[in-house]
Amino acid sequence: MTEADSSSNNQLTLLFVGDLMQHQAQIEAAHRPDGSYNYTHCFSLVKEGIRDADLAIGNLETTLGGEPYRGYPQFCAPDEYLHALKDTGFDILATANNHSLDRRRHGLERTLNLTDSIGILTVGTYRNSEDRQKRYPLIVEKNGIRIALLCATYGTNGIANTPPNIVNSLNRNELIEDIRQARTLKSDVIIAIMHWGNEYQRLPNSEQQSLARWLIEQGVDHVIGSHPHVVQPIELIPAIEHPTHHAVVYSLGNYVSNMSIAHGDVGLTVKLTLEKIGTETRLKAISHDLVWTERASISRHDDFRIIPADTIPIDLTPEGRQRMSCAIAAEEGHIW
């Protein structure tokens, strides 16, 4: 359990982004002649938006297990990638996903050691039961609002967890206990980050829909999803007891990757604005933006770059302009 600084304000903005991936082409593009890795260009156009949020949260879909660095199918990114995420303004990283154990116990523990060392909070994976008991649910209090974050994954690509490490799973009995614990810790809002669904499917499956409603029935306020690598719709479910809504984001898609599949180069960013009035905290507003990943293979600078939908860099190639325009247009009417 970790707490950030609090103040007397009664509004809080949380920005969620999707999969922060590191395919081999991304690693190679970031590699510099001196042997270091540089991701400054990758995040240059989104840094301001990330930093504007009170809390920025992303899904870390790679390990930080040290050399050798590798992309798919078992990810391991350079340490510089994590430092770039910190510099960009990310406060919290979800670490429970199907790639959590790509470097087995060493990768899981080294990832947590590095995030701890630079002050990025994590949720979803733990060194042991004592570590989990201390850090989970993740409690973050800011602007007078106390948030509890839950995080779990459907699996780890068949790689068995090595005790005493823990990767949170989508086990309903465990989730009930986690929600109960979040309530015990006097949370104003409970948010569940779920790694679920079918890859490359643009609509949620019945299991996602069922689990989302079940989570809300158990006391979760909002649900944020990842894993399909494409954007899936947002649903607002009216609350029963209060004049507010529960937000369900079925899939944020890829925030940055080297995926060339249809719809895989677009990601969704979702901003939740929470407001606390007296003892009640409600969803005051929800907004979204789209981003497109300019891959090294079509850029003028042989690098990757995340481009917001409302930004057209002057150095974007004609091919890049066309691809970005088509990709963004395909998602605009798909989100709600």
Protein backbone atom coordinates (compact mmCIF):
# COMPACT_ATOMS: atom_id res chain seq x y z
CA MET A 1 0.00 0.00 0.00
CA THR A 2 1.47 3.33 -1.09
CA GLU A 3 0.22 6.85 -0.70
CA ALA A 4 1.14 9.89 -2.77
CA ASP A 5 0.94 13.47 -1.57
CA SER A 6 -2.55 14.73 -0.80
CA SER A 7 -4.02 18.24 -0.96
CA SER A 8 -7.34 19.98 -0.33
CA ASN A 9 -8.61 19.87 -3.93
CA ASN A 10 -11.66 17.75 -4.61
CA GLN A 11 -11.04 16.79 -8.24
CA LEU A 12 -8.64 14.26 -9.68
CA THR A 13 -7.81 13.33 -13.28
CA LEU A 14 -6.58 9.84 -14.12
CA LEU A 15 -5.17 9.14 -17.57
CA PHE A 16 -5.04 5.53 -18.76
CA VAL A 17 -3.06 4.37 -21.79
CA GLY A 18 -2.75 0.92 -23.32
CA ASP A 19 0.05 -1.49 -24.01
CA LEU A 20 3.56 -0.10 -23.65
CA MET A 21 5.31 -2.68 -25.81
CA GLN A 22 8.88 -3.28 -26.94
CA HIS A 23 9.16 -5.34 -30.08
CA GLN A 24 12.59 -6.07 -31.53
CA ALA A 25 12.30 -3.28 -34.12
CA GLN A 26 11.59 -0.78 -31.35
CA ILE A 27 14.63 -1.89 -29.38
CA GLU A 28 16.85 -1.69 -32.45
CA ALA A 29 15.51 1.75 -33.40
CA ALA A 30 16.31 3.09 -29.93
CA HIS A 31 19.84 1.68 -29.97
CA ARG A 32 22.57 4.32 -30.29
CA PRO A 33 26.16 3.92 -31.54
CA ASP A 34 27.55 4.27 -28.02
CA GLY A 35 25.56 1.23 -26.90
CA SER A 36 22.85 3.15 -25.04
CA TYR A 37 19.13 3.29 -25.85
CA ASN A 38 17.22 6.52 -26.38
CA TYR A 39 13.42 6.87 -26.44
CA THR A 40 13.16 10.65 -26.29
CA HIS A 41 11.74 10.95 -29.80
CA CYS A 42 9.17 8.21 -29.15
CA PHE A 43 7.36 10.11 -26.40
CA SER A 44 8.11 13.70 -27.45
CA LEU A 45 4.61 14.53 -28.74
CA VAL A 46 2.65 12.97 -25.86
CA LYS A 47 4.74 14.04 -22.88
CA GLU A 48 2.76 17.22 -22.23
CA GLY A 49 -0.57 15.38 -22.18
CA ILE A 50 0.75 12.65 -19.89
CA ARG A 51 2.19 15.16 -17.45
CA ASP A 52 -1.04 17.20 -17.38
CA ALA A 53 -2.92 14.38 -15.66
CA ASP A 54 -2.83 14.08 -11.88
CA LEU A 55 -2.07 10.37 -12.30
CA ALA A 56 -0.96 8.65 -15.52
CA ILE A 57 -1.24 4.87 -15.73
CA GLY A 58 -0.05 2.48 -18.46
CA ASN A 59 0.22 -1.26 -19.06
CA LEU A 60 3.89 -2.35 -19.08
CA GLU A 61 3.78 -5.24 -21.55
CA THR A 62 7.43 -6.18 -21.22
CA THR A 63 9.90 -7.16 -18.53
CA LEU A 64 13.05 -5.33 -17.50
CA GLY A 65 15.15 -8.42 -17.02
CA GLY A 66 18.48 -7.09 -18.27
CA GLU A 67 20.47 -8.16 -21.33
CA PRO A 68 19.98 -9.72 -23.77
CA TYR A 69 17.07 -7.53 -24.84
CA ARG A 70 14.39 -9.22 -26.92
CA GLY A 71 11.04 -8.53 -28.51
CA TYR A 72 8.30 -11.01 -29.29
CA PRO A 73 7.54 -13.64 -28.13
CA GLN A 74 9.25 -13.15 -24.76
CA PHE A 75 9.80 -9.50 -24.10
CA CYS A 76 12.69 -7.85 -22.28
CA ALA A 77 13.33 -4.12 -22.71
CA PRO A 78 16.38 -1.96 -21.96
CA ASP A 79 16.36 -0.13 -18.63
CA GLU A 80 16.33 3.14 -20.57
CA TYR A 81 12.77 2.37 -21.62
CA LEU A 82 11.60 2.55 -18.02
CA HIS A 83 13.50 5.80 -17.47
CA ALA A 84 11.80 7.23 -20.56
CA LEU A 85 8.39 6.30 -19.14
CA LYS A 86 9.30 8.05 -15.89
CA ASP A 87 10.53 11.13 -17.75
CA THR A 88 7.38 11.21 -19.85
CA GLY A 89 5.30 11.42 -16.70
CA PHE A 90 3.91 7.97 -15.99
CA ASP A 91 3.13 7.50 -12.30
CA ILE A 92 1.83 3.92 -12.22
CA LEU A 93 2.45 0.84 -14.36
CA ALA A 94 0.23 -2.23 -14.45
CA THR A 95 2.51 -5.27 -14.50
CA ALA A 96 0.07 -8.20 -14.43
CA ASN A 97 -0.27 -9.36 -18.03
CA ASN A 98 0.49 -12.38 -20.18
CA HIS A 99 4.14 -11.30 -20.51
CA SER A 100 4.82 -10.81 -16.79
CA LEU A 101 6.93 -13.98 -16.63
CA ASP A 102 8.76 -13.72 -19.95
CA ARG A 103 12.03 -13.65 -18.01
CA ARG A 104 10.70 -15.84 -15.22
CA ARG A 105 11.46 -15.00 -11.61
CA HIS A 106 14.51 -12.90 -12.38
CA GLY A 107 12.58 -10.71 -14.81
CA LEU A 108 9.64 -10.18 -12.50
CA GLU A 109 11.79 -9.24 -9.52
CA ARG A 110 14.25 -7.10 -11.48
CA THR A 111 11.33 -5.17 -13.00
CA LEU A 112 9.99 -4.40 -9.53
CA ASN A 113 13.44 -3.48 -8.24
CA LEU A 114 13.90 -0.97 -11.06
CA THR A 115 10.46 0.59 -10.79
CA ASP A 116 10.91 0.94 -7.04
CA SER A 117 14.32 2.53 -7.52
CA ILE A 118 13.05 5.35 -9.73
CA GLY A 119 9.75 5.95 -7.98
CA ILE A 120 7.19 4.47 -10.38
CA LEU A 121 4.38 2.62 -8.61
CA THR A 122 3.34 -0.80 -9.89
CA VAL A 123 0.29 -2.97 -9.45
CA GLY A 124 -0.27 -6.62 -10.30
CA THR A 125 3.00 -8.52 -9.63
CA TYR A 126 4.83 -9.16 -6.35
CA ARG A 127 8.03 -10.72 -5.05
CA ASN A 128 6.18 -12.76 -2.43
CA SER A 129 3.06 -12.80 -0.27
CA GLU A 130 4.52 -10.30 2.20
CA ASP A 131 5.27 -7.89 -0.65
CA ARG A 132 1.71 -8.26 -1.96
CA GLN A 133 0.17 -7.76 1.46
CA LYS A 134 2.11 -4.53 1.86
CA ARG A 135 1.48 -3.14 -1.63
CA TYR A 136 -1.93 -4.43 -2.68
CA PRO A 137 -4.44 -3.09 -3.34
CA LEU A 138 -2.41 -0.12 -4.52
CA ILE A 139 -3.74 2.90 -2.64
CA VAL A 140 -2.98 6.33 -4.03
CA GLU A 141 -4.35 9.43 -2.33
CA LYS A 142 -4.17 12.75 -4.13
CA ASN A 143 -6.24 15.92 -4.20
CA GLY A 144 -8.25 14.59 -1.28
CA ILE A 145 -9.43 11.50 -3.18
CA ARG A 146 -8.34 8.00 -2.20
CA ILE A 147 -8.03 5.56 -5.11
CA ALA A 148 -7.66 1.79 -4.86
CA LEU A 149 -6.20 0.10 -7.94
CA LEU A 150 -6.64 -3.61 -8.61
CA CYS A 151 -4.89 -5.47 -11.44
CA ALA A 152 -5.04 -9.05 -12.73
CA THR A 153 -4.40 -11.10 -15.87
CA TYR A 154 -6.08 -14.07 -17.52
CA GLY A 155 -2.73 -15.90 -17.72
CA THR A 156 1.01 -15.79 -18.43
CA ASN A 157 1.32 -17.58 -21.77
CA GLY A 158 1.63 -20.96 -20.13
CA ILE A 159 4.74 -20.03 -18.12
CA ALA A 160 4.32 -21.30 -14.59
CA ASN A 161 4.77 -18.83 -11.78
CA THR A 162 7.83 -19.55 -9.64
CA PRO A 163 7.13 -19.29 -5.89
CA PRO A 164 7.31 -17.11 -3.97
CA ASN A 165 6.49 -14.68 -6.81
CA ILE A 166 2.85 -13.71 -7.37
CA VAL A 167 1.09 -12.59 -10.56
CA ASN A 168 -2.51 -11.62 -9.85
CA SER A 169 -4.98 -13.76 -11.78
CA LEU A 170 -8.59 -13.32 -12.83
CA ASN A 171 -9.84 -15.55 -10.05
CA ARG A 172 -13.20 -14.35 -8.81
CA ASN A 173 -12.68 -15.61 -5.27
CA GLU A 174 -9.41 -13.69 -5.06
CA LEU A 175 -10.97 -10.61 -6.66
CA ILE A 176 -13.78 -10.59 -4.09
CA GLU A 177 -11.19 -10.58 -1.31
CA ASP A 178 -9.22 -7.80 -3.04
CA ILE A 179 -12.35 -5.66 -3.36
CA ARG A 180 -13.18 -6.28 0.29
CA GLN A 181 -9.68 -5.19 1.25
CA ALA A 182 -9.99 -2.04 -0.86
CA ARG A 183 -13.16 -1.16 1.02
CA THR A 184 -11.48 -1.85 4.36
CA LEU A 185 -8.79 0.65 3.39
CA LYS A 186 -11.51 3.32 3.07
CA SER A 187 -11.10 3.91 -0.65
CA ASP A 188 -13.26 6.54 -2.30
CA VAL A 189 -12.98 4.84 -5.70
CA ILE A 190 -11.99 1.32 -6.74
CA ILE A 191 -10.62 0.81 -10.25
CA ALA A 192 -9.88 -2.63 -11.70
CA ILE A 193 -7.28 -2.96 -14.47
CA MET A 194 -8.03 -6.23 -16.26
CA HIS A 195 -5.83 -8.03 -18.79
CA TRP A 196 -8.46 -10.02 -20.67
CA GLY A 197 -10.28 -10.70 -23.94
CA ASN A 198 -9.32 -12.05 -27.36
CA GLU A 199 -6.36 -10.67 -29.23
CA TYR A 200 -7.13 -8.59 -32.35
CA GLN A 201 -10.91 -8.65 -31.76
CA ARG A 202 -12.45 -5.18 -31.88
CA LEU A 203 -15.45 -6.08 -29.73
CA PRO A 204 -15.44 -7.47 -26.18
CA ASN A 205 -16.38 -11.09 -25.73
CA SER A 206 -19.12 -12.32 -23.41
CA GLU A 207 -16.62 -13.17 -20.68
CA GLN A 208 -15.31 -9.59 -20.59
CA GLN A 209 -18.83 -8.21 -20.42
CA SER A 210 -19.85 -10.65 -17.71
CA LEU A 211 -16.75 -10.02 -15.60
CA ALA A 212 -17.09 -6.23 -15.94
CA ARG A 213 -20.64 -6.29 -14.63
CA TRP A 214 -19.72 -8.72 -11.88
CA LEU A 215 -16.87 -6.48 -10.75
CA ILE A 216 -19.23 -3.51 -10.59
CA GLU A 217 -21.78 -5.54 -8.65
CA GLN A 218 -19.04 -6.41 -6.14
CA GLY A 219 -18.17 -2.75 -5.58
CA VAL A 220 -15.67 -1.78 -8.30
CA ASP A 221 -16.38 1.69 -9.68
CA HIS A 222 -14.54 1.59 -13.03
CA VAL A 223 -12.92 -1.11 -15.16
CA ILE A 224 -10.00 -0.56 -17.55
CA GLY A 225 -9.04 -3.33 -19.98
CA SER A 226 -6.04 -4.35 -22.05
CA HIS A 227 -4.64 -7.32 -24.01
CA PRO A 228 -6.51 -7.44 -27.37
CA HIS A 229 -3.94 -5.02 -28.94
CA VAL A 230 -6.78 -3.20 -30.68
CA VAL A 231 -9.21 -0.62 -29.36
CA GLN A 232 -12.52 -1.90 -28.03
CA PRO A 233 -15.50 0.29 -27.07
CA ILE A 234 -16.16 2.24 -23.90
CA GLU A 235 -19.39 1.57 -22.02
CA LEU A 236 -20.99 3.73 -19.34
CA ILE A 237 -23.18 1.82 -16.90
CA PRO A 238 -25.53 3.89 -14.72
CA ALA A 239 -24.90 3.54 -11.01
CA ILE A 240 -27.81 2.26 -8.97
CA GLU A 241 -27.38 4.17 -5.72
CA HIS A 242 -25.82 7.45 -6.89
CA PRO A 243 -26.27 9.85 -9.83
CA THR A 244 -23.09 8.78 -11.60
CA HIS A 245 -21.81 6.16 -14.03
CA HIS A 246 -19.37 3.28 -14.01
CA ALA A 247 -16.90 3.46 -16.89
CA VAL A 248 -15.89 0.21 -18.58
CA VAL A 249 -13.07 0.52 -21.11
CA TYR A 250 -12.87 -2.91 -22.69
CA SER A 251 -9.50 -2.42 -24.40
CA LEU A 252 -7.17 0.54 -24.73
CA GLY A 253 -5.24 -1.13 -27.56
CA ASN A 254 -1.54 -0.53 -28.17
CA TYR A 255 -0.10 2.75 -26.97
CA VAL A 256 3.18 1.97 -28.73
CA SER A 257 4.27 -1.17 -30.57
CA ASN A 258 5.58 -2.47 -33.88
CA MET A 259 2.37 -4.28 -34.75
CA SER A 260 1.33 -3.99 -38.38
CA ILE A 261 -1.97 -5.86 -38.04
CA ALA A 262 -5.16 -3.99 -38.93
CA HIS A 263 -6.05 -1.54 -36.13
CA GLY A 264 -2.93 -2.50 -34.16
CA ASP A 265 -1.18 0.84 -34.72
CA VAL A 266 -3.85 2.87 -32.90
CA GLY A 267 -4.24 3.29 -29.16
CA LEU A 268 -6.83 4.86 -26.90
CA THR A 269 -6.15 7.21 -24.03
CA VAL A 270 -8.96 7.65 -21.53
CA LYS A 271 -9.17 10.41 -18.96
CA LEU A 272 -11.43 10.02 -15.94
CA THR A 273 -12.21 13.16 -13.95
CA LEU A 274 -13.34 12.31 -10.43
CA GLU A 275 -15.01 14.76 -8.07
CA LYS A 276 -15.50 14.35 -4.36
CA ILE A 277 -18.43 16.15 -2.75
CA GLY A 278 -18.69 15.53 0.95
CA THR A 279 -18.21 11.80 1.39
CA GLU A 280 -19.27 10.83 -2.13
CA THR A 281 -16.93 10.60 -5.11
CA ARG A 282 -18.42 10.51 -8.58
CA LEU A 283 -17.31 10.37 -12.19
CA LYS A 284 -17.59 14.00 -13.23
CA ALA A 285 -16.36 13.51 -16.80
CA ILE A 286 -14.80 10.99 -19.13
CA SER A 287 -12.95 11.86 -22.31
CA HIS A 288 -10.80 10.01 -24.80
CA ASP A 289 -8.16 10.63 -27.42
CA LEU A 290 -6.55 8.42 -30.02
CA VAL A 291 -2.86 8.03 -30.79
CA TRP A 292 -1.11 6.49 -33.76
CA THR A 293 2.32 4.86 -33.74
CA GLU A 294 4.65 6.00 -36.49
CA ARG A 295 6.91 3.02 -37.03
CA ALA A 296 10.58 3.28 -37.96
CA SER A 297 9.96 1.57 -41.31
CA ILE A 298 7.88 4.51 -42.60
CA SER A 299 9.48 7.47 -40.81
CA ARG A 300 12.09 9.95 -41.96
CA HIS A 301 14.08 9.52 -38.76
CA ASP A 302 14.23 5.71 -38.52
CA ASP A 303 12.59 5.75 -35.11
CA PHE A 304 9.22 5.16 -33.46
CA ARG A 305 6.96 7.99 -32.39
CA ILE A 306 3.54 8.20 -30.72
CA ILE A 307 1.44 10.85 -32.49
CA PRO A 308 -1.84 12.20 -31.02
CA ALA A 309 -4.76 12.17 -33.44
CA ASP A 310 -4.99 15.97 -33.47
CA THR A 311 -1.30 16.43 -34.31
CA ILE A 312 0.27 16.26 -37.77
CA PRO A 313 4.06 16.68 -37.47
CA ILE A 314 5.64 18.55 -40.35
CA ASP A 315 8.19 15.77 -40.82
CA LEU A 316 5.56 13.05 -41.19
CA THR A 317 5.97 11.33 -44.56
CA PRO A 318 3.11 11.30 -47.11
CA GLU A 319 2.78 7.58 -46.51
CA GLY A 320 2.65 8.19 -42.78
CA ARG A 321 -0.03 10.86 -43.19
CA GLN A 322 -2.19 8.54 -45.23
CA ARG A 323 -1.78 5.61 -42.85
CA MET A 324 -2.44 7.73 -39.78
CA SER A 325 -5.52 9.35 -41.31
CA CYS A 326 -7.04 6.02 -42.29
CA ALA A 327 -6.21 4.38 -38.96
CA ILE A 328 -7.70 7.18 -36.86
CA ALA A 329 -10.82 7.42 -39.04
CA ALA A 330 -11.45 3.71 -38.61
CA GLU A 331 -11.64 4.10 -34.83
CA GLU A 332 -13.55 7.35 -34.40
CA GLY A 333 -17.02 5.85 -34.59
CA HIS A 334 -16.04 2.59 -32.92
CA ILE A 335 -15.32 3.77 -29.39
CA TRP A 336 -18.78 4.51 -27.99
